[in-house]
N, C-alpha and C. Protein backbone atom coordinates (compact mmCIF):
# COMPACT_ATOMS: atom_id res chain seq x y z
N MET A 1 136.71 94.87 51.33
CA MET A 1 135.72 94.80 50.28
C MET A 1 136.38 94.97 48.66
N ILE A 2 135.85 94.18 47.84
CA ILE A 2 136.70 94.29 46.63
C ILE A 2 135.86 95.33 45.76
N LYS A 3 136.78 96.20 45.45
CA LYS A 3 136.15 97.24 44.64
C LYS A 3 136.78 97.45 42.98
N TRP A 4 135.82 97.51 42.07
CA TRP A 4 136.11 97.42 40.65
C TRP A 4 137.06 98.36 40.25
N GLN A 5 136.84 99.71 41.27
CA GLN A 5 137.89 100.96 40.77
C GLN A 5 139.25 100.51 40.87
N ASP A 6 139.60 99.43 41.88
CA ASP A 6 140.85 99.05 42.17
C ASP A 6 141.62 98.52 40.89
N PHE A 7 140.66 97.83 40.03
CA PHE A 7 141.35 96.91 39.02
C PHE A 7 141.20 97.63 37.58
N ALA A 8 140.26 98.49 37.51
CA ALA A 8 140.14 98.94 36.25
C ALA A 8 141.30 99.89 35.74
N PRO A 9 141.52 99.96 34.57
CA PRO A 9 142.63 100.86 34.09
C PRO A 9 142.31 102.34 34.66
N ALA A 10 143.65 102.96 34.88
CA ALA A 10 143.45 104.47 35.51
C ALA A 10 143.30 105.28 34.17
N SER A 11 143.78 104.97 33.11
CA SER A 11 143.60 105.80 31.90
C SER A 11 143.48 104.84 30.58
N THR A 12 143.02 105.25 29.46
CA THR A 12 143.01 104.43 28.38
C THR A 12 143.04 105.37 27.13
N SER A 13 143.67 104.84 26.04
CA SER A 13 143.49 105.60 24.80
C SER A 13 142.41 104.95 23.91
N ARG A 14 141.74 104.03 24.45
CA ARG A 14 140.74 103.48 23.68
C ARG A 14 139.79 104.61 23.23
N ARG A 15 139.07 104.46 21.78
CA ARG A 15 138.09 105.28 21.20
C ARG A 15 136.92 104.25 21.10
N ARG A 16 135.91 104.79 21.84
CA ARG A 16 134.57 103.71 21.59
C ARG A 16 134.35 103.86 20.21
N GLU A 17 133.33 102.84 19.91
CA GLU A 17 132.79 102.60 18.57
C GLU A 17 131.57 103.50 18.42
N GLY A 18 130.92 103.53 17.26
CA GLY A 18 130.05 104.36 16.81
C GLY A 18 128.87 103.97 17.74
N THR A 19 128.61 102.75 17.82
CA THR A 19 127.49 102.51 18.88
C THR A 19 128.01 101.30 19.74
N GLU A 20 127.79 101.57 20.96
CA GLU A 20 128.36 100.50 22.07
C GLU A 20 127.10 99.89 22.55
N TRP A 21 127.17 98.72 22.92
CA TRP A 21 126.01 97.88 23.25
C TRP A 21 126.39 96.65 24.45
N SER A 22 125.20 96.65 25.16
CA SER A 22 125.41 95.52 26.19
C SER A 22 124.13 94.76 26.14
N ILE A 23 124.13 93.41 26.26
CA ILE A 23 122.98 92.47 26.34
C ILE A 23 123.13 91.42 27.47
N THR A 24 122.29 91.35 28.25
CA THR A 24 122.33 90.51 29.28
C THR A 24 120.93 89.77 29.51
N TYR A 25 121.01 88.41 29.67
CA TYR A 25 119.90 87.58 29.92
C TYR A 25 120.15 86.68 31.14
N THR A 26 119.42 86.37 31.95
CA THR A 26 119.34 85.66 33.24
C THR A 26 118.25 84.78 33.05
N PHE A 27 118.29 83.38 32.53
CA PHE A 27 117.34 82.34 32.39
C PHE A 27 116.94 81.57 33.83
N SER A 28 115.85 81.26 33.76
CA SER A 28 115.39 80.41 35.03
C SER A 28 115.91 81.37 36.40
N ALA A 29 115.54 82.72 36.21
CA ALA A 29 116.09 83.64 37.21
C ALA A 29 115.57 83.20 38.73
N VAL A 30 114.61 82.71 38.74
CA VAL A 30 114.22 82.31 40.39
C VAL A 30 114.55 80.90 40.68
N GLU A 31 115.31 80.16 39.80
CA GLU A 31 115.65 78.65 39.86
C GLU A 31 116.90 78.63 40.70
N SER A 32 117.23 77.91 41.89
CA SER A 32 118.46 78.05 42.70
C SER A 32 118.96 76.78 42.61
N ALA A 33 118.06 75.55 42.31
CA ALA A 33 118.41 74.24 42.67
C ALA A 33 119.66 73.68 41.67
N LEU A 34 119.79 74.30 40.43
CA LEU A 34 120.78 73.94 39.59
C LEU A 34 121.90 75.05 39.61
N PRO A 35 123.03 74.34 39.28
CA PRO A 35 124.21 75.27 39.06
C PRO A 35 123.92 76.32 38.02
N ARG A 36 124.72 77.35 38.08
CA ARG A 36 124.48 78.27 37.10
C ARG A 36 125.84 78.88 36.44
N VAL A 37 125.87 79.03 35.19
CA VAL A 37 127.14 79.29 34.54
C VAL A 37 126.71 80.81 34.07
N LEU A 38 127.70 81.53 34.15
CA LEU A 38 127.61 82.96 33.45
C LEU A 38 128.72 83.10 32.14
N LEU A 39 128.26 83.38 31.16
CA LEU A 39 128.94 83.48 29.67
C LEU A 39 129.07 84.94 29.61
N ILE A 40 130.35 85.37 29.35
CA ILE A 40 130.84 86.71 29.26
C ILE A 40 131.69 86.86 27.76
N GLY A 41 131.10 87.83 26.90
CA GLY A 41 131.83 87.75 25.60
C GLY A 41 131.17 89.06 24.84
N ASP A 42 130.97 88.72 23.59
CA ASP A 42 130.56 89.75 22.78
C ASP A 42 129.47 89.21 21.86
N SER A 43 129.30 89.64 20.52
CA SER A 43 128.18 89.19 19.61
C SER A 43 128.30 87.58 19.30
N ILE A 44 129.57 87.17 19.48
CA ILE A 44 129.63 85.60 19.25
C ILE A 44 129.11 84.93 20.33
N CYS A 45 129.36 85.50 21.53
CA CYS A 45 128.76 84.92 22.74
C CYS A 45 127.10 84.90 22.85
N ASN A 46 126.72 86.16 22.20
CA ASN A 46 125.21 86.44 22.02
C ASN A 46 124.61 85.33 21.13
N ALA A 47 125.33 84.97 20.04
CA ALA A 47 124.87 83.98 19.24
C ALA A 47 124.77 82.61 19.55
N TYR A 48 126.07 82.30 20.50
CA TYR A 48 126.05 80.75 21.11
C TYR A 48 125.21 80.66 22.51
N SER A 49 124.66 81.74 22.96
CA SER A 49 124.24 81.49 24.43
C SER A 49 122.91 80.78 24.16
N GLY A 50 122.06 80.86 23.09
CA GLY A 50 120.83 80.16 23.17
C GLY A 50 120.88 78.64 22.66
N PRO A 51 121.97 78.21 22.15
CA PRO A 51 122.19 76.80 21.71
C PRO A 51 123.02 76.14 23.06
N VAL A 52 123.76 76.94 23.66
CA VAL A 52 124.17 76.42 25.14
C VAL A 52 123.21 76.18 26.07
N ARG A 53 122.38 77.04 26.38
CA ARG A 53 121.08 76.85 27.01
C ARG A 53 120.40 75.69 26.55
N ALA A 54 120.17 75.59 25.45
CA ALA A 54 119.43 74.26 25.01
C ALA A 54 120.18 73.07 25.58
N LEU A 55 121.46 72.98 25.36
CA LEU A 55 122.28 71.90 25.51
C LEU A 55 122.38 71.58 26.88
N LEU A 56 122.32 72.66 27.92
CA LEU A 56 122.39 72.52 29.20
C LEU A 56 121.14 72.29 29.97
N ALA A 57 119.96 72.42 29.27
CA ALA A 57 118.69 72.41 29.85
C ALA A 57 118.50 71.33 30.70
N GLY A 58 118.01 71.78 32.25
CA GLY A 58 117.74 70.54 33.08
C GLY A 58 118.96 70.23 33.94
N ARG A 59 120.12 70.82 33.57
CA ARG A 59 121.28 70.54 34.24
C ARG A 59 121.79 71.74 34.77
N VAL A 60 122.12 72.76 34.12
CA VAL A 60 122.68 73.94 34.31
C VAL A 60 122.01 75.14 33.95
N ASN A 61 121.85 75.98 34.72
CA ASN A 61 121.13 77.36 34.48
C ASN A 61 122.13 78.30 33.70
N VAL A 62 121.57 79.20 32.74
CA VAL A 62 122.54 80.08 32.10
C VAL A 62 122.25 81.48 32.13
N SER A 63 123.28 82.26 32.71
CA SER A 63 123.17 83.68 32.30
C SER A 63 124.29 84.28 31.26
N PHE A 64 124.10 85.21 30.65
CA PHE A 64 125.01 85.73 29.88
C PHE A 64 125.00 87.25 29.66
N TRP A 65 126.22 87.78 29.44
CA TRP A 65 126.73 89.30 29.27
C TRP A 65 127.39 89.27 27.97
N ALA A 66 126.66 89.87 26.94
CA ALA A 66 127.41 90.14 25.63
C ALA A 66 127.39 91.55 25.51
N SER A 67 128.71 92.18 25.10
CA SER A 67 128.84 93.54 25.03
C SER A 67 129.84 93.88 23.95
N SER A 68 129.90 95.19 23.39
CA SER A 68 130.79 95.66 22.51
C SER A 68 132.10 96.17 23.30
N LYS A 69 131.99 96.33 24.68
CA LYS A 69 132.97 97.09 25.47
C LYS A 69 134.35 96.45 25.51
N CYS A 70 135.24 97.01 24.96
CA CYS A 70 136.59 96.28 25.40
C CYS A 70 137.18 96.46 26.89
N VAL A 71 137.85 95.48 27.28
CA VAL A 71 138.38 95.48 28.74
C VAL A 71 138.95 96.87 28.90
N THR A 72 139.30 97.77 27.97
CA THR A 72 140.03 99.05 28.46
C THR A 72 139.10 100.18 28.34
N ASP A 73 137.80 99.76 28.08
CA ASP A 73 136.70 100.97 28.33
C ASP A 73 136.56 101.38 29.68
N PRO A 74 136.35 102.83 29.88
CA PRO A 74 136.57 103.29 31.11
C PRO A 74 135.22 102.72 32.08
N VAL A 75 134.06 102.08 31.30
CA VAL A 75 133.07 101.61 32.31
C VAL A 75 132.79 100.01 32.27
N TYR A 76 133.90 99.51 31.61
CA TYR A 76 133.60 97.87 31.47
C TYR A 76 133.75 97.22 32.74
N PHE A 77 134.56 97.70 33.77
CA PHE A 77 134.64 97.02 35.09
C PHE A 77 133.61 97.29 35.82
N ARG A 78 132.81 98.57 35.65
CA ARG A 78 131.66 98.84 36.49
C ARG A 78 130.71 97.76 36.01
N GLU A 79 130.30 97.62 34.78
CA GLU A 79 129.51 96.64 34.26
C GLU A 79 129.61 95.32 34.46
N LEU A 80 130.87 94.76 34.53
CA LEU A 80 131.47 93.65 35.04
C LEU A 80 131.01 93.33 36.47
N ASP A 81 131.32 94.41 37.36
CA ASP A 81 131.00 94.35 38.66
C ASP A 81 129.44 94.07 38.90
N PHE A 82 128.67 94.73 38.33
CA PHE A 82 127.44 94.56 38.17
C PHE A 82 126.85 93.33 37.92
N MET A 83 127.55 92.56 36.76
CA MET A 83 127.02 91.23 36.35
C MET A 83 127.56 90.07 37.50
N LEU A 84 128.79 90.32 38.00
CA LEU A 84 129.25 89.66 39.02
C LEU A 84 128.45 89.51 40.41
N ASP A 85 127.72 90.71 40.47
CA ASP A 85 127.03 90.83 41.74
C ASP A 85 125.50 90.18 41.67
N ALA A 86 125.12 90.02 40.24
CA ALA A 86 123.44 89.76 40.28
C ALA A 86 123.09 88.39 40.58
N TYR A 87 124.06 87.29 40.42
CA TYR A 87 123.62 86.14 40.92
C TYR A 87 124.65 85.34 41.46
N PRO A 88 124.62 84.20 42.21
CA PRO A 88 125.62 83.34 42.39
C PRO A 88 125.99 82.38 41.31
N TYR A 89 127.37 82.25 40.89
CA TYR A 89 127.76 81.40 39.76
C TYR A 89 128.62 80.35 40.01
N ASP A 90 128.27 79.20 39.61
CA ASP A 90 129.20 78.18 39.65
C ASP A 90 130.38 78.15 38.67
N VAL A 91 130.16 78.51 37.60
CA VAL A 91 131.10 78.60 36.54
C VAL A 91 130.96 80.06 35.94
N ILE A 92 132.11 80.50 35.50
CA ILE A 92 132.12 81.69 34.51
C ILE A 92 133.10 81.55 33.19
N CYS A 93 132.68 81.73 32.04
CA CYS A 93 133.40 81.44 31.08
C CYS A 93 133.47 83.09 30.34
N PHE A 94 134.82 83.45 30.47
CA PHE A 94 135.14 84.81 30.21
C PHE A 94 135.69 84.95 28.95
N ASN A 95 135.38 85.97 27.89
CA ASN A 95 135.90 86.44 26.86
C ASN A 95 135.78 87.74 26.69
N ASN A 96 137.08 88.31 26.03
CA ASN A 96 137.07 89.85 25.60
C ASN A 96 138.16 89.68 24.39
N GLY A 97 137.77 90.24 23.39
CA GLY A 97 138.72 90.25 22.25
C GLY A 97 138.62 90.84 20.95
N LEU A 98 137.30 90.47 20.47
CA LEU A 98 137.11 90.92 18.86
C LEU A 98 136.70 92.48 18.78
N HIS A 99 136.21 92.99 19.72
CA HIS A 99 136.03 94.53 19.81
C HIS A 99 137.52 95.08 20.51
N SER A 100 138.55 94.29 20.53
CA SER A 100 139.91 95.00 20.98
C SER A 100 140.88 94.68 19.70
N LEU A 101 140.38 94.46 18.47
CA LEU A 101 141.50 94.24 17.54
C LEU A 101 142.26 95.28 17.14
N SER A 102 141.81 96.61 17.52
CA SER A 102 142.64 97.83 17.25
C SER A 102 143.03 98.50 18.44
N THR A 103 142.59 98.08 19.43
CA THR A 103 143.15 98.55 20.77
C THR A 103 144.66 98.26 20.98
N ASP A 104 145.16 99.48 21.73
CA ASP A 104 146.71 99.43 21.86
C ASP A 104 146.89 97.99 22.77
N ARG A 105 147.85 97.37 22.27
CA ARG A 105 148.13 95.94 22.71
C ARG A 105 148.60 95.96 24.30
N THR A 106 149.56 96.91 24.54
CA THR A 106 149.89 96.87 26.07
C THR A 106 148.74 97.22 26.96
N GLU A 107 147.87 98.05 26.41
CA GLU A 107 146.79 98.68 27.44
C GLU A 107 145.83 97.28 27.46
N TRP A 108 145.58 96.57 26.18
CA TRP A 108 144.64 95.37 26.62
C TRP A 108 145.18 94.35 27.26
N ASP A 109 146.51 94.14 27.24
CA ASP A 109 147.12 93.07 27.84
C ASP A 109 146.94 93.29 29.33
N ALA A 110 147.11 94.50 29.74
CA ALA A 110 147.02 94.73 31.30
C ALA A 110 145.51 94.69 31.65
N ALA A 111 144.51 95.20 30.94
CA ALA A 111 143.19 95.24 31.47
C ALA A 111 142.77 93.78 31.49
N TYR A 112 142.84 92.93 30.35
CA TYR A 112 142.57 91.76 30.42
C TYR A 112 142.95 91.06 31.63
N ARG A 113 144.21 91.07 32.06
CA ARG A 113 144.85 90.55 33.39
C ARG A 113 144.19 91.02 34.30
N ALA A 114 143.53 92.49 34.52
CA ALA A 114 143.00 93.01 35.70
C ALA A 114 141.83 92.50 35.71
N ALA A 115 140.99 92.15 34.61
CA ALA A 115 139.65 91.71 34.61
C ALA A 115 139.85 90.15 35.19
N VAL A 116 140.59 89.48 34.82
CA VAL A 116 140.81 88.23 35.35
C VAL A 116 140.96 88.19 36.71
N ALA A 117 142.03 89.09 37.33
CA ALA A 117 142.21 89.22 38.77
C ALA A 117 140.95 89.63 39.40
N PHE A 118 140.12 90.67 38.83
CA PHE A 118 138.96 91.00 39.69
C PHE A 118 137.96 90.00 39.91
N ILE A 119 137.87 89.12 38.53
CA ILE A 119 136.86 88.06 38.92
C ILE A 119 137.19 87.07 39.88
N ARG A 120 138.49 86.69 39.95
CA ARG A 120 138.93 85.75 40.88
C ARG A 120 138.94 86.31 42.28
N ALA A 121 139.16 87.67 42.42
CA ALA A 121 139.17 88.35 43.87
C ALA A 121 137.80 88.50 44.32
N LYS A 122 136.86 88.64 43.42
CA LYS A 122 135.43 88.97 43.74
C LYS A 122 134.73 87.59 43.97
N LEU A 123 134.86 86.61 43.24
CA LEU A 123 134.21 85.48 43.29
C LEU A 123 135.21 84.24 43.43
N PRO A 124 136.02 84.21 44.58
CA PRO A 124 137.12 83.21 44.61
C PRO A 124 136.42 81.85 44.51
N ASP A 125 135.50 81.39 44.82
CA ASP A 125 134.75 80.10 44.80
C ASP A 125 134.10 79.65 43.75
N THR A 126 134.10 80.63 42.55
CA THR A 126 133.41 80.41 41.50
C THR A 126 134.50 79.77 40.30
N LYS A 127 134.32 78.69 39.55
CA LYS A 127 135.20 78.20 38.77
C LYS A 127 135.26 78.96 37.51
N LEU A 128 136.50 79.76 37.17
CA LEU A 128 136.68 80.55 36.11
C LEU A 128 137.35 79.86 34.95
N SER A 129 136.81 79.93 33.73
CA SER A 129 137.49 79.33 32.50
C SER A 129 137.65 80.73 31.42
N LEU A 130 138.74 80.72 30.78
CA LEU A 130 139.09 81.78 29.65
C LEU A 130 138.68 81.20 28.27
N THR A 131 137.79 82.01 27.58
CA THR A 131 137.38 81.51 26.40
C THR A 131 138.29 82.38 25.42
N LEU A 132 138.82 81.62 24.25
CA LEU A 132 139.62 82.23 23.21
C LEU A 132 138.67 82.77 22.45
N SER A 133 139.05 83.96 21.71
CA SER A 133 138.24 84.72 20.53
C SER A 133 138.37 83.73 19.40
N THR A 134 137.36 84.01 18.62
CA THR A 134 137.13 83.01 17.17
C THR A 134 137.89 83.85 16.25
N PRO A 135 138.38 82.97 15.21
CA PRO A 135 139.09 83.65 14.06
C PRO A 135 138.03 84.57 13.19
N LEU A 136 138.52 84.99 12.25
CA LEU A 136 137.78 85.94 11.34
C LEU A 136 137.58 85.32 10.04
N LYS A 137 136.95 86.08 8.99
CA LYS A 137 137.00 85.90 7.57
C LYS A 137 138.16 86.25 7.08
N ASP A 138 138.64 87.35 7.51
CA ASP A 138 139.91 88.13 6.95
C ASP A 138 141.12 87.64 7.66
N ALA A 139 141.98 87.22 6.75
CA ALA A 139 143.09 86.72 7.48
C ALA A 139 143.99 87.51 8.40
N GLY A 140 144.18 88.74 7.96
CA GLY A 140 144.70 89.82 8.72
C GLY A 140 144.35 89.92 10.10
N LEU A 141 142.89 90.02 10.24
CA LEU A 141 142.28 90.30 11.60
C LEU A 141 142.42 88.93 12.26
N THR A 142 142.40 87.70 11.58
CA THR A 142 142.55 86.55 12.40
C THR A 142 144.00 86.41 12.99
N ALA A 143 145.06 86.97 12.36
CA ALA A 143 146.16 86.93 12.98
C ALA A 143 146.30 87.90 14.16
N VAL A 144 145.41 88.92 14.25
CA VAL A 144 145.25 89.75 15.41
C VAL A 144 144.76 88.82 16.32
N SER A 145 143.68 88.60 16.23
CA SER A 145 142.91 87.70 17.20
C SER A 145 143.76 86.53 17.74
N SER A 146 144.47 85.97 17.02
CA SER A 146 145.43 84.72 17.45
C SER A 146 146.52 85.47 18.41
N THR A 147 146.92 86.70 18.16
CA THR A 147 147.72 87.29 19.15
C THR A 147 147.27 87.57 20.33
N LEU A 148 145.88 87.97 20.23
CA LEU A 148 145.31 88.27 21.47
C LEU A 148 145.15 86.86 22.49
N ASN A 149 144.85 85.86 21.67
CA ASN A 149 144.49 84.57 22.46
C ASN A 149 145.67 84.12 23.11
N GLU A 150 147.16 84.47 22.44
CA GLU A 150 148.45 84.15 23.20
C GLU A 150 148.33 84.86 24.63
N THR A 151 148.00 86.01 24.56
CA THR A 151 147.91 86.68 25.96
C THR A 151 147.01 85.87 26.99
N VAL A 152 145.84 85.33 26.45
CA VAL A 152 144.98 84.59 27.44
C VAL A 152 145.62 83.28 27.60
N LYS A 153 146.04 82.67 26.65
CA LYS A 153 146.71 81.22 27.01
C LYS A 153 148.10 81.44 28.02
N ALA A 154 148.69 82.43 27.86
CA ALA A 154 149.81 82.63 28.86
C ALA A 154 149.08 82.87 30.24
N LEU A 155 148.36 83.64 30.36
CA LEU A 155 147.66 84.03 31.43
C LEU A 155 147.19 82.68 32.26
N ALA A 156 146.46 82.11 31.34
CA ALA A 156 145.75 80.64 31.89
C ALA A 156 146.83 79.72 32.45
N GLU A 157 147.86 79.61 31.66
CA GLU A 157 149.02 78.63 32.42
C GLU A 157 149.63 79.36 33.62
N GLU A 158 149.83 80.66 33.65
CA GLU A 158 150.31 81.18 34.94
C GLU A 158 149.52 80.90 36.16
N GLU A 159 148.16 81.15 35.73
CA GLU A 159 147.16 81.32 36.97
C GLU A 159 146.48 79.73 37.20
N GLY A 160 146.86 78.67 36.15
CA GLY A 160 146.29 77.40 36.37
C GLY A 160 144.95 77.56 36.05
N LEU A 161 144.31 78.23 35.03
CA LEU A 161 143.02 78.33 34.61
C LEU A 161 142.68 77.52 33.24
N PRO A 162 141.68 76.79 33.23
CA PRO A 162 141.39 76.20 31.87
C PRO A 162 141.05 77.13 30.86
N VAL A 163 141.33 76.80 29.43
CA VAL A 163 141.06 77.56 28.32
C VAL A 163 139.99 76.77 27.47
N ILE A 164 139.10 77.56 27.18
CA ILE A 164 138.02 76.98 26.18
C ILE A 164 138.43 77.41 24.66
N ASP A 165 138.80 76.48 23.77
CA ASP A 165 139.40 76.90 22.62
C ASP A 165 138.27 76.85 21.54
N LEU A 166 137.77 78.22 21.03
CA LEU A 166 136.81 78.28 20.23
C LEU A 166 137.54 78.83 18.81
N PHE A 167 139.07 78.71 18.86
CA PHE A 167 139.81 79.39 17.64
C PHE A 167 140.11 78.32 16.87
N SER A 168 140.75 77.30 17.42
CA SER A 168 141.26 76.05 16.50
C SER A 168 140.31 75.27 15.67
N PRO A 169 139.09 74.96 16.31
CA PRO A 169 138.07 74.34 15.67
C PRO A 169 137.21 75.14 14.58
N MET A 170 137.35 76.46 14.73
CA MET A 170 136.75 77.37 13.53
C MET A 170 137.66 77.73 12.59
N ASP A 171 139.06 77.83 13.01
CA ASP A 171 140.04 78.20 11.82
C ASP A 171 140.20 77.20 10.95
N VAL A 172 139.80 76.04 11.01
CA VAL A 172 140.03 75.03 9.99
C VAL A 172 138.80 75.04 9.02
N LEU A 173 137.75 75.77 9.49
CA LEU A 173 136.65 75.65 8.63
C LEU A 173 136.71 76.44 7.23
N GLU A 174 136.05 76.27 6.28
CA GLU A 174 135.91 77.04 5.13
C GLU A 174 135.21 78.40 5.30
N ARG A 175 135.86 79.60 4.87
CA ARG A 175 135.30 80.84 5.36
C ARG A 175 134.09 81.04 4.62
N ASP A 176 134.10 80.90 3.28
CA ASP A 176 132.71 81.18 2.63
C ASP A 176 131.56 80.27 3.01
N GLU A 177 131.82 79.10 3.45
CA GLU A 177 130.77 78.43 3.87
C GLU A 177 129.99 78.51 5.33
N PHE A 178 131.18 78.93 6.13
CA PHE A 178 130.65 79.10 7.47
C PHE A 178 130.65 80.34 8.25
N TRP A 179 131.22 81.36 7.56
CA TRP A 179 131.09 82.75 7.87
C TRP A 179 130.00 83.47 7.28
N SER A 180 129.17 84.34 8.00
CA SER A 180 127.99 85.01 7.39
C SER A 180 128.66 86.50 7.19
N ASP A 181 129.66 86.93 7.77
CA ASP A 181 130.29 88.27 7.57
C ASP A 181 131.80 87.98 7.92
N THR A 182 132.44 89.24 8.00
CA THR A 182 133.75 89.19 8.66
C THR A 182 133.87 88.51 9.88
N TYR A 183 132.77 88.78 10.74
CA TYR A 183 133.13 88.32 12.22
C TYR A 183 132.34 87.24 12.70
N HIS A 184 130.98 86.94 11.93
CA HIS A 184 130.05 86.08 12.49
C HIS A 184 130.02 84.87 11.66
N PHE A 185 129.04 83.90 12.20
CA PHE A 185 129.05 82.54 11.84
C PHE A 185 127.74 82.13 11.33
N HIS A 186 127.47 81.08 10.37
CA HIS A 186 126.24 80.65 10.05
C HIS A 186 125.99 79.48 11.26
N ALA A 187 124.64 78.97 11.37
CA ALA A 187 124.16 78.25 12.39
C ALA A 187 124.96 77.14 12.78
N PRO A 188 125.60 76.32 11.62
CA PRO A 188 126.44 75.11 11.96
C PRO A 188 127.57 75.33 12.97
N ALA A 189 128.26 76.54 12.47
CA ALA A 189 129.48 76.73 13.33
C ALA A 189 129.12 77.25 14.53
N VAL A 190 128.12 78.08 14.91
CA VAL A 190 127.38 78.50 15.95
C VAL A 190 127.12 77.26 17.09
N ALA A 191 126.37 76.31 16.48
CA ALA A 191 126.18 75.01 16.90
C ALA A 191 127.40 74.39 17.52
N LYS A 192 128.64 74.24 16.66
CA LYS A 192 129.73 73.66 17.21
C LYS A 192 130.34 74.51 18.36
N GLN A 193 130.29 75.75 18.12
CA GLN A 193 130.88 76.53 19.32
C GLN A 193 130.13 76.19 20.54
N ALA A 194 128.59 76.09 20.54
CA ALA A 194 127.84 76.00 21.72
C ALA A 194 128.12 74.41 22.28
N GLU A 195 128.48 73.41 21.30
CA GLU A 195 128.74 72.28 22.09
C GLU A 195 129.93 72.23 22.91
N ILE A 196 131.27 73.09 22.26
CA ILE A 196 132.35 73.00 22.92
C ILE A 196 132.15 73.73 24.38
N ILE A 197 131.23 74.79 24.20
CA ILE A 197 131.10 75.53 25.66
C ILE A 197 130.43 74.69 26.50
N ALA A 198 129.31 74.05 26.12
CA ALA A 198 128.58 73.32 27.10
C ALA A 198 129.17 72.03 27.59
N GLU A 199 129.99 71.35 26.61
CA GLU A 199 130.78 70.22 27.19
C GLU A 199 131.81 70.70 28.31
N HIS A 200 132.35 71.80 27.98
CA HIS A 200 133.24 72.41 29.09
C HIS A 200 132.73 72.78 30.36
N VAL A 201 131.61 73.26 30.38
CA VAL A 201 130.84 73.65 31.50
C VAL A 201 130.49 72.41 32.43
N LEU A 202 129.91 71.31 31.59
CA LEU A 202 129.70 70.19 32.34
C LEU A 202 130.74 69.49 32.93
N GLY A 203 131.84 69.65 32.17
CA GLY A 203 133.08 68.69 32.72
C GLY A 203 133.57 69.64 34.05
N ARG A 204 133.45 71.07 34.05
CA ARG A 204 133.75 71.80 35.16
C ARG A 204 132.97 71.51 36.26
N LEU A 205 131.84 71.23 36.12
CA LEU A 205 130.96 70.84 37.13
C LEU A 205 130.81 69.47 37.56
N GLY A 206 131.71 68.65 36.88
CA GLY A 206 131.50 67.40 37.23
C GLY A 206 130.46 66.41 36.57
N LEU A 207 129.77 66.93 35.58
CA LEU A 207 128.50 66.52 35.11
C LEU A 207 128.85 65.76 33.78
N GLY A 208 129.96 65.55 33.55
CA GLY A 208 130.39 64.84 32.06
C GLY A 208 130.88 65.88 31.33
N GLY A 209 131.59 65.50 30.20
CA GLY A 209 132.32 66.31 29.28
C GLY A 209 133.80 66.52 29.71
N ALA A 210 134.32 67.53 29.01
CA ALA A 210 135.80 67.65 29.41
C ALA A 210 136.10 69.20 29.92
N GLU A 211 137.06 69.21 30.81
CA GLU A 211 137.53 70.58 31.31
C GLU A 211 137.90 71.38 30.28
N SER A 212 138.83 70.99 29.38
CA SER A 212 139.64 71.82 28.51
C SER A 212 139.79 71.13 27.11
């Protein structure tokens, strides 16, 4: 039996934010005829989940879990385990990063790798893709996001996993035009992110689009 406790960090120096949150929706919850994708991320995922659902309507059902929790949080793996148990998924798009910009890098690297290992061990038949974190309006924070993404890309290459690049297409955009604050985006940029995610999911399912 795969236990989340066997993958979660034994200890962490992570300090929680003033408000921690989790949002999860499962659409078409009683519908099993279509494949289902689980989107995992943060507020960026929360924003693009609706447009992704619209783009995949009639072809792929959508679930998502958006959370402020870093992979080093003591209960992250417990919540992840709950989500993985909730429904059968054909594809999972996994992201964790923007709430980890100040997390100890060694701890984050280890916990991120452990989270990917846990997902693969628990759902070995589900197609897993790793989603890169987006850039930010602030150049210094963007540099940190980029370094976190390097860990993601290195792991993806080691494990033969596809990467969904939400960083490069956003990084070339004009900050004052497309960002609504330091972290978040206006609707046109969110729509582009949704297009990238939806195309990737369709490709992984052999329904059109590109896998990477």
